[in-house]
Protein backbone atom coordinates (compact mmCIF):
# COMPACT_ATOMS: atom_id res chain seq x y z
CA ILE A 1 4.58 -9.63 -15.04
CA ARG A 2 7.53 -11.07 -13.12
CA GLY A 3 9.87 -9.80 -15.83
CA THR A 4 8.52 -6.26 -15.60
CA TYR A 5 8.87 -6.41 -11.82
CA LYS A 6 12.50 -7.50 -12.13
CA ALA A 7 13.12 -4.71 -14.64
CA GLY A 8 11.93 -2.12 -12.15
CA MET A 9 8.62 -1.26 -13.81
CA TRP A 10 6.90 -2.31 -10.58
CA VAL A 11 8.36 -1.30 -7.24
CA SER A 12 8.05 -2.92 -3.82
CA SER A 13 7.20 0.07 -1.67
CA THR A 14 8.49 -1.61 1.51
CA LEU A 15 11.89 -2.27 -0.06
CA PHE A 16 11.95 1.25 -1.49
CA TRP A 17 11.30 2.76 1.96
CA TYR A 18 13.86 0.40 3.48
CA HIS A 19 16.71 1.36 1.15
CA HIS A 20 15.85 4.95 0.23
CA GLY A 21 13.58 6.11 3.07
CA GLY A 22 15.69 5.19 6.07
CA LEU A 23 13.53 2.34 7.36
CA ASN A 24 16.66 0.17 7.36
CA GLU A 25 17.65 2.09 10.49
CA LEU A 26 14.53 0.76 12.22
CA SER A 27 14.68 -2.79 10.86
CA GLY A 28 18.36 -2.73 11.75
CA ARG A 29 17.32 -2.90 15.40
CA SER A 30 15.36 -6.12 14.94
CA LYS A 31 17.87 -8.27 16.82
CA GLU A 32 17.14 -6.17 19.93
CA TRP A 33 13.50 -7.26 19.74
CA ASP A 34 13.43 -10.65 17.98
CA LYS A 35 15.17 -13.52 19.76
CA TYR A 36 14.67 -15.86 16.80
CA LEU A 37 16.86 -13.95 14.34
CA LYS A 38 20.14 -15.66 13.43
CA ARG A 39 21.55 -12.64 11.61
CA SER A 40 20.76 -8.97 11.15
CA VAL A 41 18.01 -7.98 8.73
CA ASP A 42 20.62 -6.14 6.65
CA GLU A 43 22.48 -9.42 6.11
CA TYR A 44 19.32 -11.19 4.99
CA MET A 45 18.48 -8.26 2.72
CA LYS A 46 21.93 -8.26 1.10
CA GLU A 47 21.72 -12.01 0.46
CA SER A 48 18.24 -11.70 -1.06
CA LEU A 49 19.26 -8.94 -3.46
CA GLU A 50 22.52 -10.64 -4.48
CA LYS A 51 20.70 -13.89 -5.27
CA GLY A 52 17.93 -12.12 -7.19
CA TRP A 53 15.18 -13.15 -4.80
CA GLN A 54 14.00 -9.56 -4.38
CA TYR A 55 14.56 -6.35 -6.36
CA VAL A 56 14.85 -2.69 -5.45
CA THR A 57 14.25 0.27 -7.76
CA PRO A 58 16.24 2.48 -7.92
CA ALA A 59 19.06 0.07 -7.11
CA PRO A 60 20.95 0.72 -3.86
CA GLY A 61 23.47 3.48 -4.44
CA LYS A 62 21.30 5.26 -7.01
CA GLU A 63 19.20 7.92 -5.30
CA PRO A 64 15.60 8.83 -6.19
CA ARG A 65 15.16 12.45 -7.23
CA VAL A 66 11.47 12.87 -8.07
CA LEU A 67 8.54 11.24 -6.28
CA PHE A 68 4.91 11.36 -7.41
CA GLU A 69 2.43 10.38 -4.70
CA TYR A 70 -0.75 9.32 -6.45
CA GLY A 71 -3.49 7.21 -4.91
CA GLY A 72 -1.82 7.08 -1.51
CA ASN A 73 -0.64 9.10 1.45
CA ILE A 74 2.83 8.00 2.49
CA LEU A 75 3.18 10.27 5.52
CA ARG A 76 0.04 8.74 6.99
CA ARG A 77 0.41 5.19 5.77
CA VAL A 78 4.09 4.28 6.13
CA ARG A 79 5.03 2.93 9.54
CA GLY A 80 8.02 4.85 10.85
CA TYR A 81 7.15 7.69 8.46
CA THR A 82 9.37 10.18 10.32
CA GLN A 83 12.32 8.38 8.72
CA LEU A 84 11.05 9.42 5.29
CA GLN A 85 11.12 13.05 6.35
CA LYS A 86 14.63 12.67 7.72
CA VAL A 87 16.22 10.45 5.06
CA LEU A 88 14.18 10.40 1.83
CA PHE A 89 12.92 13.96 1.49
CA PRO A 90 16.39 15.60 1.50
CA LYS A 91 17.30 13.43 -1.50
CA LEU A 92 14.33 14.57 -3.55
CA ARG A 93 14.42 17.52 -5.90
CA LEU A 94 10.66 17.37 -6.30
CA LEU A 95 7.74 15.82 -4.39
CA VAL A 96 4.39 15.95 -6.18
CA THR A 97 1.06 14.81 -4.77
CA ILE A 98 -2.04 14.14 -6.87
CA ASP A 99 -5.05 14.07 -4.56
CA TRP A 100 -8.56 15.42 -4.11
CA ARG A 101 -7.79 16.72 -0.60
CA MET A 102 -4.95 18.22 1.42
CA SER A 103 -3.58 15.04 2.93
CA ALA A 104 -0.62 14.82 5.29
CA THR A 105 1.65 14.14 2.31
CA ALA A 106 0.16 17.01 0.32
CA PHE A 107 1.07 19.41 3.14
CA HIS A 108 4.74 18.46 2.70
CA SER A 109 4.76 18.42 -1.12
CA ASP A 110 6.39 20.92 -3.46
CA ILE A 111 3.45 20.72 -5.85
CA VAL A 112 -0.13 19.52 -5.26
CA LEU A 113 -2.18 18.71 -8.36
CA PRO A 114 -5.88 18.70 -7.40
CA ALA A 115 -7.69 15.60 -8.65
CA ALA A 116 -11.38 15.40 -9.46
CA GLY A 117 -13.66 13.64 -7.00
CA TRP A 118 -15.34 10.30 -7.64
CA TYR A 119 -18.53 11.82 -9.04
CA GLU A 120 -16.71 14.38 -11.17
CA LYS A 121 -15.26 11.92 -13.70
CA TYR A 122 -15.83 8.70 -15.62
CA ASP A 123 -13.89 5.73 -14.40
CA VAL A 124 -13.70 2.01 -13.81
CA LYS A 125 -13.25 2.37 -10.08
CA TRP A 126 -12.62 -0.96 -8.48
CA GLY A 127 -10.52 -3.91 -9.52
CA THR A 128 -9.29 -6.42 -6.95
CA PRO A 129 -9.15 -10.21 -6.59
CA LEU A 130 -10.99 -9.78 -3.28
CA MET A 131 -14.46 -8.96 -4.57
CA PRO A 132 -16.61 -10.33 -7.40
CA TYR A 133 -17.88 -7.06 -8.88
CA ALA A 134 -16.53 -4.44 -11.25
CA HIS A 135 -17.68 -0.93 -10.35
CA VAL A 136 -17.84 2.08 -12.63
CA GLY A 137 -18.37 5.73 -11.91
CA THR A 138 -20.06 8.37 -13.99
CA LYS A 139 -19.69 12.11 -13.89
CA ALA A 140 -22.59 13.75 -12.08
CA VAL A 141 -21.07 17.23 -11.79
CA GLU A 142 -18.15 19.11 -13.27
CA PRO A 143 -14.85 19.11 -11.34
CA LEU A 144 -14.55 22.00 -8.91
CA TYR A 145 -12.11 24.86 -9.48
CA GLU A 146 -8.79 23.66 -10.98
CA SER A 147 -9.24 19.95 -10.22
CA LYS A 148 -9.00 17.51 -13.12
CA PRO A 149 -9.45 13.76 -13.66
CA GLU A 150 -6.20 11.83 -13.25
CA TRP A 151 -6.16 10.83 -16.92
CA GLU A 152 -6.24 14.49 -17.94
CA ILE A 153 -3.47 15.34 -15.46
CA VAL A 154 -1.19 12.60 -16.78
CA CYS A 155 -1.90 13.52 -20.41
CA LEU A 156 -1.14 17.20 -19.84
CA LEU A 157 2.12 16.36 -18.10
CA ALA A 158 3.10 14.06 -20.96
CA LYS A 159 2.16 16.71 -23.53
CA LYS A 160 4.38 19.29 -21.86
CA LEU A 161 7.26 16.82 -21.57
CA GLN A 162 6.95 16.03 -25.27
CA GLU A 163 6.95 19.72 -26.19
CA LYS A 164 10.09 20.40 -24.14
CA ALA A 165 11.85 17.27 -25.42
CA LYS A 166 11.28 18.34 -29.02
CA LYS A 167 12.59 21.84 -28.36
CA THR A 168 15.73 20.59 -26.62
CA ALA A 169 16.30 17.57 -28.90
CA PHE A 170 16.29 15.32 -25.84
CA ALA A 171 18.13 12.12 -26.71
CA PRO A 172 16.41 8.71 -26.55
CA TYR A 173 17.44 6.48 -23.66
CA LYS A 174 16.88 2.93 -22.47
CA GLY A 175 14.40 2.30 -19.69
CA ALA A 176 14.79 -0.17 -16.85
CA ASP A 177 13.34 -2.92 -19.05
CA GLY A 178 15.93 -2.28 -21.78
CA GLN A 179 13.41 -0.73 -24.16
CA GLU A 180 14.09 2.59 -25.86
CA ARG A 181 12.28 5.57 -24.38
CA ARG A 182 11.66 8.80 -26.28
CA LEU A 183 10.31 11.78 -24.39
CA ASP A 184 9.68 13.52 -27.70
CA ARG A 185 6.97 10.90 -28.34
CA ILE A 186 5.69 10.28 -24.82
CA TYR A 187 2.32 12.00 -25.29
CA ASP A 188 1.74 10.32 -28.65
CA GLY A 189 2.54 6.92 -27.18
CA LEU A 190 0.38 7.45 -24.10
CA THR A 191 -2.66 8.59 -26.09
CA PHE A 192 -2.24 6.10 -28.96
CA ASN A 193 -1.34 8.96 -31.30
CA GLY A 194 -4.17 11.11 -30.03
CA TYR A 195 -6.91 8.46 -30.06
CA TYR A 196 -7.46 8.94 -26.31
CA LYS A 197 -6.80 12.61 -25.64
CA GLU A 198 -6.90 14.30 -22.26
CA ASN A 199 -10.64 14.94 -22.48
CA ASP A 200 -11.50 11.42 -23.66
CA GLN A 201 -11.78 9.76 -20.28
CA GLU A 202 -15.23 8.31 -20.92
CA LYS A 203 -14.07 6.92 -24.26
CA LEU A 204 -11.10 5.31 -22.52
CA ALA A 205 -13.25 3.84 -19.73
CA ALA A 206 -15.70 2.45 -22.27
CA ASP A 207 -12.90 0.68 -24.11
CA PHE A 208 -11.56 -0.74 -20.85
CA VAL A 209 -14.91 -2.47 -20.44
CA LYS A 210 -15.02 -3.50 -24.09
CA ILE A 211 -11.66 -5.29 -24.13
CA SER A 212 -11.86 -6.81 -20.63
CA THR A 213 -11.76 -10.60 -20.74
CA ASN A 214 -13.80 -10.99 -17.56
CA LEU A 215 -16.73 -8.67 -18.32
CA LYS A 216 -18.24 -10.63 -21.20
CA GLY A 217 -21.69 -9.50 -22.21
CA SER A 218 -21.35 -6.11 -20.52
CA THR A 219 -21.22 -2.74 -22.23
CA TRP A 220 -20.24 0.67 -20.95
CA GLU A 221 -23.71 2.08 -21.57
CA GLU A 222 -25.27 -0.70 -19.49
CA LEU A 223 -22.76 -0.23 -16.69
CA LYS A 224 -23.42 3.50 -16.61
CA LYS A 225 -27.00 2.64 -15.65
CA THR A 226 -26.38 -0.24 -13.24
CA GLY A 227 -23.11 0.97 -11.68
CA PHE A 228 -21.64 -2.50 -11.27
CA VAL A 229 -21.57 -5.98 -12.76
CA LYS A 230 -20.35 -9.36 -11.58
CA PHE A 231 -17.16 -10.61 -13.20
CA SER A 232 -17.66 -13.40 -15.73
CA SER A 233 -14.25 -14.93 -14.96
CA VAL A 234 -11.19 -14.24 -12.82
CA GLY A 235 -9.45 -12.69 -15.83
CA ASP A 236 -5.82 -12.75 -16.90
CA SER A 237 -4.19 -10.71 -14.12
CA PRO A 238 -1.55 -12.54 -12.05
CA ALA A 239 -3.15 -10.96 -8.99
CA THR A 240 -5.96 -13.52 -9.32
CA ILE A 241 -3.65 -16.53 -8.96
CA GLY A 242 -5.11 -17.13 -5.51
CA ASN A 243 -8.59 -17.59 -6.99
CA ALA A 244 -7.93 -20.25 -9.67
CA THR A 245 -11.60 -20.92 -10.30
CA ASP A 246 -14.41 -20.52 -12.78
CA ILE A 247 -17.16 -18.04 -11.97
CA VAL A 248 -20.56 -19.67 -12.46
CA PRO A 249 -23.66 -17.43 -12.56
CA ASN A 250 -25.82 -17.58 -9.43
CA GLN A 251 -23.28 -19.68 -7.55
CA SER A 252 -20.79 -18.86 -4.80
CA ILE A 253 -17.22 -18.23 -5.88
CA ILE A 254 -15.06 -21.02 -4.48
CA PRO A 255 -11.28 -20.69 -4.94
CA PHE A 256 -8.91 -23.39 -6.22
CA THR A 257 -11.48 -25.46 -8.11
CA TRP A 258 -9.07 -25.56 -11.06
CA HIS A 259 -6.83 -27.62 -8.80
CA THR A 260 -9.42 -29.66 -6.92
CA ASP A 261 -11.87 -30.37 -9.76
CA LYS A 262 -9.84 -29.98 -12.95
CA LYS A 263 -6.64 -31.35 -11.36
CA VAL A 264 -4.50 -28.47 -12.61
CA PRO A 265 -1.13 -28.76 -10.78
CA TYR A 266 -0.30 -26.14 -8.16
CA ALA A 267 2.65 -23.84 -8.93
CA THR A 268 4.82 -25.41 -6.22
CA LEU A 269 7.85 -27.71 -6.31
CA THR A 270 5.70 -30.75 -5.55
CA ARG A 271 2.89 -29.53 -7.86
CA ARG A 272 0.53 -30.06 -4.93
CA MET A 273 -0.74 -27.93 -2.06
CA GLN A 274 2.43 -27.72 -0.01
CA PHE A 275 3.12 -26.82 3.61
CA TYR A 276 6.79 -27.80 3.75
CA ILE A 277 9.02 -25.19 2.08
CA ASP A 278 12.51 -26.47 1.31
CA GLN A 279 14.20 -23.08 0.98
CA GLU A 280 17.33 -21.95 2.78
CA LEU A 281 15.86 -18.97 4.65
CA TYR A 282 12.91 -21.04 5.82
CA LEU A 283 15.31 -23.75 7.00
CA GLU A 284 17.64 -21.30 8.75
CA LEU A 285 14.78 -19.60 10.58
CA GLY A 286 13.03 -22.85 11.47
CA GLU A 287 9.91 -22.13 9.44
CA GLU A 288 10.08 -24.87 6.81
CA LEU A 289 6.81 -26.04 8.37
CA PRO A 290 4.16 -23.75 9.91
CA THR A 291 5.37 -22.94 13.41
CA PHE A 292 4.54 -20.67 16.33
CA LYS A 293 6.96 -17.98 17.48
CA GLU A 294 6.41 -15.52 20.28
CA PRO A 295 5.78 -12.00 18.98
CA PRO A 296 8.95 -9.89 19.00
CA LYS A 297 9.02 -7.01 21.47
CA VAL A 298 9.08 -4.43 18.71
CA GLY A 299 9.82 -0.95 19.98
CA GLY A 300 11.26 -2.11 23.29
CA ASN A 301 10.34 -4.14 26.35
CA HIS A 302 7.12 -2.32 27.25
CA PRO A 303 3.98 -3.82 28.82
CA LEU A 304 1.27 -2.94 26.28
CA VAL A 305 0.83 -4.17 22.71
CA VAL A 306 -0.70 -1.93 20.04
CA THR A 307 -3.32 -3.56 17.84
CA GLY A 308 -5.86 -1.96 15.58
CA GLY A 309 -8.58 -2.41 13.04
CA HIS A 310 -10.35 -0.93 10.04
CA THR A 311 -12.22 2.13 11.19
CA ARG A 312 -15.99 2.19 10.89
CA TRP A 313 -16.27 5.97 10.60
CA SER A 314 -14.72 6.55 7.18
CA ILE A 315 -14.54 5.00 3.73
CA HIS A 316 -11.18 3.29 3.98
CA SER A 317 -8.88 6.25 4.76
CA SER A 318 -11.13 8.88 3.17
CA TRP A 319 -13.34 11.24 5.20
CA ARG A 320 -11.60 10.33 8.47
CA ASP A 321 -11.32 14.03 9.30
CA ASP A 322 -14.77 14.99 8.02
CA ARG A 323 -16.68 16.87 10.73
CA TYR A 324 -19.92 15.00 10.07
CA MET A 325 -18.19 11.64 10.31
CA MET A 326 -16.34 12.79 13.42
CA ARG A 327 -19.70 13.41 15.10
CA GLN A 328 -20.29 9.65 14.99
CA GLN A 329 -17.59 9.23 17.62
CA ARG A 330 -15.74 11.63 19.92
CA GLY A 331 -14.47 14.19 17.44
CA VAL A 332 -10.79 13.49 18.17
CA PRO A 333 -8.40 10.56 17.66
CA ILE A 334 -8.97 7.92 20.34
CA MET A 335 -7.25 4.82 21.66
CA TYR A 336 -9.13 1.97 23.33
CA MET A 337 -7.80 0.65 26.66
CA SER A 338 -8.94 -2.10 29.02
CA LEU A 339 -10.53 -1.24 32.35
CA SER A 340 -7.69 -2.79 34.37
CA ASP A 341 -4.84 -1.17 32.41
CA ALA A 342 -6.51 2.24 32.65
CA ALA A 343 -7.22 1.91 36.39
CA ARG A 344 -3.66 0.81 37.12
CA ARG A 345 -2.39 4.00 35.46
CA GLY A 346 -4.99 6.36 36.92
CA ILE A 347 -6.53 6.94 33.49
CA LYS A 348 -10.23 7.73 33.12
CA ASP A 349 -12.39 7.61 30.03
CA GLY A 350 -11.69 10.68 27.86
CA ASP A 351 -8.32 11.53 29.43
CA GLU A 352 -5.49 12.70 27.21
CA VAL A 353 -2.60 10.23 27.40
CA GLU A 354 0.94 9.96 26.12
CA VAL A 355 1.94 6.78 24.31
CA LYS A 356 5.66 6.09 23.99
CA ASN A 357 8.32 3.47 23.41
CA ASP A 358 12.03 3.41 22.54
CA LEU A 359 11.41 5.13 19.20
CA ASN A 360 9.03 8.02 19.77
CA SER A 361 5.81 9.22 21.40
CA PHE A 362 2.45 10.78 20.61
CA ARG A 363 -0.63 12.06 22.44
CA ILE A 364 -4.17 10.75 22.05
CA HIS A 365 -7.42 10.49 24.05
CA ALA A 366 -8.24 7.27 25.88
CA LYS A 367 -11.51 5.41 25.48
CA VAL A 368 -11.77 2.94 28.35
CA SER A 369 -13.70 -0.15 27.29
CA PRO A 370 -14.55 -3.52 28.89
CA SER A 371 -14.23 -5.19 25.47
CA VAL A 372 -10.46 -4.63 25.30
CA ARG A 373 -8.18 -7.38 26.57
CA PRO A 374 -5.70 -6.41 29.32
CA GLY A 375 -2.24 -5.78 27.89
CA GLN A 376 -3.70 -4.46 24.64
CA VAL A 377 -4.41 -0.98 23.30
CA MET A 378 -6.35 -0.48 20.08
CA ILE A 379 -6.06 2.34 17.54
CA TYR A 380 -8.24 2.20 14.45
CA HIS A 381 -6.64 3.27 11.20
CA ALA A 382 -6.76 6.34 8.94
CA TRP A 383 -6.26 9.23 11.38
CA GLU A 384 -4.36 12.06 9.67
CA ASN A 385 -1.13 13.42 11.14
CA TYR A 386 -2.49 16.96 11.53
CA MET A 387 -5.22 15.65 13.85
CA PHE A 388 -2.57 14.96 16.52
CA LYS A 389 -0.59 17.38 18.67
CA GLU A 390 2.61 18.47 16.93
CA GLY A 391 1.47 16.41 13.94
CA LYS A 392 2.80 13.25 15.60
CA LEU A 393 0.77 10.33 14.26
CA PHE A 394 0.72 7.02 16.13
CA GLN A 395 2.72 5.32 13.37
CA ASN A 396 5.78 7.37 14.26
CA LEU A 397 6.68 4.76 16.90
CA MET A 398 5.94 1.70 14.77
CA PRO A 399 9.21 0.43 13.28
CA SER A 400 7.45 -2.46 11.50
CA PRO A 401 10.69 -4.40 11.01
CA ILE A 402 10.96 -6.65 7.97
CA ASN A 403 10.46 -10.35 8.61
CA PRO A 404 13.45 -11.96 6.81
CA ILE A 405 11.32 -14.94 5.78
CA GLU A 406 9.56 -12.57 3.35
CA LEU A 407 12.86 -12.05 1.51
CA ALA A 408 13.03 -15.69 0.39
CA GLY A 409 12.95 -16.62 -3.28
CA GLY A 410 14.50 -18.84 -5.91
CA GLN A 411 11.40 -20.98 -6.43
CA PHE A 412 8.55 -20.32 -8.83
CA HIS A 413 5.91 -19.80 -6.16
CA LEU A 414 8.24 -17.63 -4.03
CA ARG A 415 9.21 -15.10 -6.70
CA PRO A 416 7.98 -11.52 -6.21
CA MET A 417 5.38 -10.00 -8.47
CA PHE A 418 2.73 -7.29 -8.42
CA LEU A 419 0.99 -7.14 -5.02
CA CYS A 420 2.49 -10.32 -3.61
CA LEU A 421 5.57 -12.17 -2.43
CA HIS A 422 7.60 -9.24 -1.20
CA PRO A 423 7.83 -7.80 2.34
CA GLY A 424 5.01 -5.80 3.87
CA GLN A 425 4.53 -3.56 6.87
CA SER A 426 2.44 -4.25 9.96
CA ASP A 427 1.02 -2.18 12.81
CA ARG A 428 0.82 -5.19 15.11
CA ASP A 429 3.12 -6.27 17.95
CA THR A 430 4.49 -2.79 18.64
CA ARG A 431 5.17 -2.45 22.39
CA VAL A 432 4.31 0.78 24.23
CA GLU A 433 3.68 2.32 27.63
CA VAL A 434 0.81 4.74 28.31
CA THR A 435 0.74 7.52 30.90
CA LYS A 436 -1.84 10.17 31.73
CA VAL A 437 -0.92 13.66 30.57
């Protein structure tokens, strides 16, 4: 999996946005906000790429031309998303969104391919090292209008590509991993020479269950009735490296028992659980041992700090704008403020306020609450851009600068791979001021 990541078959979204989406312009201001930095983030980034600690695809200097947004919503999710509109979008010849709704990203896309909803298709829905159950979904109703299951969408795109490649005698080429790619065979390869065609989604899902190493004893027909089953083991995915345990029926899942009970060595330099990290970036930044540093004043020297949480009135980021769900709260995006901060600014519960810092501003309604600590404002996640005035979402003023320590590498347990060990984005520590409109 590390080899495929290095070859560009997996992409760190944060590094992609940094190099191709203009977020380097925001992280480039980190020294204004972070007194602990020895060098600019760009210098740390250059060193990390040159030494092969991190990877970017496409490589710097090679521009992206086509972007498929599938399973996400970049204009809602990416902190500092206005940079994408300014820097990334002009580079693209085509932006395609596959979604079951008109998300913020779909509104800005050249093409929107409508996806079937969760109960309009067969699927193995949920796979994560964070929960002990595999969930499946069955089709209760037919997809509405022109919407299709994602498998059918991908197959139809591949079929059309194959047809055009055959007509134009499109030459084979080498992919990022060095393997030969042939567009005149892409549909055949994807479908195993037609074994899983575009309408065979249930057949494909059933075989997923059949060949899974951590669903022993389970069949697709059984799962269609029960809806879920507990994993029989952590499986072979590198994403489960943080579990390192055997799953015993009717017992709690306790991580790291391979190391504590079976004495399997940890994947560290000392082969033990290790707190000291003898790596040059950690040493330079004074973090070779766990240490406390004051939060950087990200966004400027302003008195309030934005924090947040996982909203209770949606399913992750879905249904946040649903009118029935909105009735569970105030019907508009809201920001929680402490009693003292609101009183000092002449803000009453329900007032419209402007939130701003050195980067940008947005408007939102205040919810004054005694449970909020002074100096803090809270915005729960998943609001859509179009729910705000002028479409200005609160993440437009969150630069989320890269922490250079996350660019470290060169050791087995510090190398990047799928879902871990590369930089991430954060909503926290952004400084703002709030005024009544």
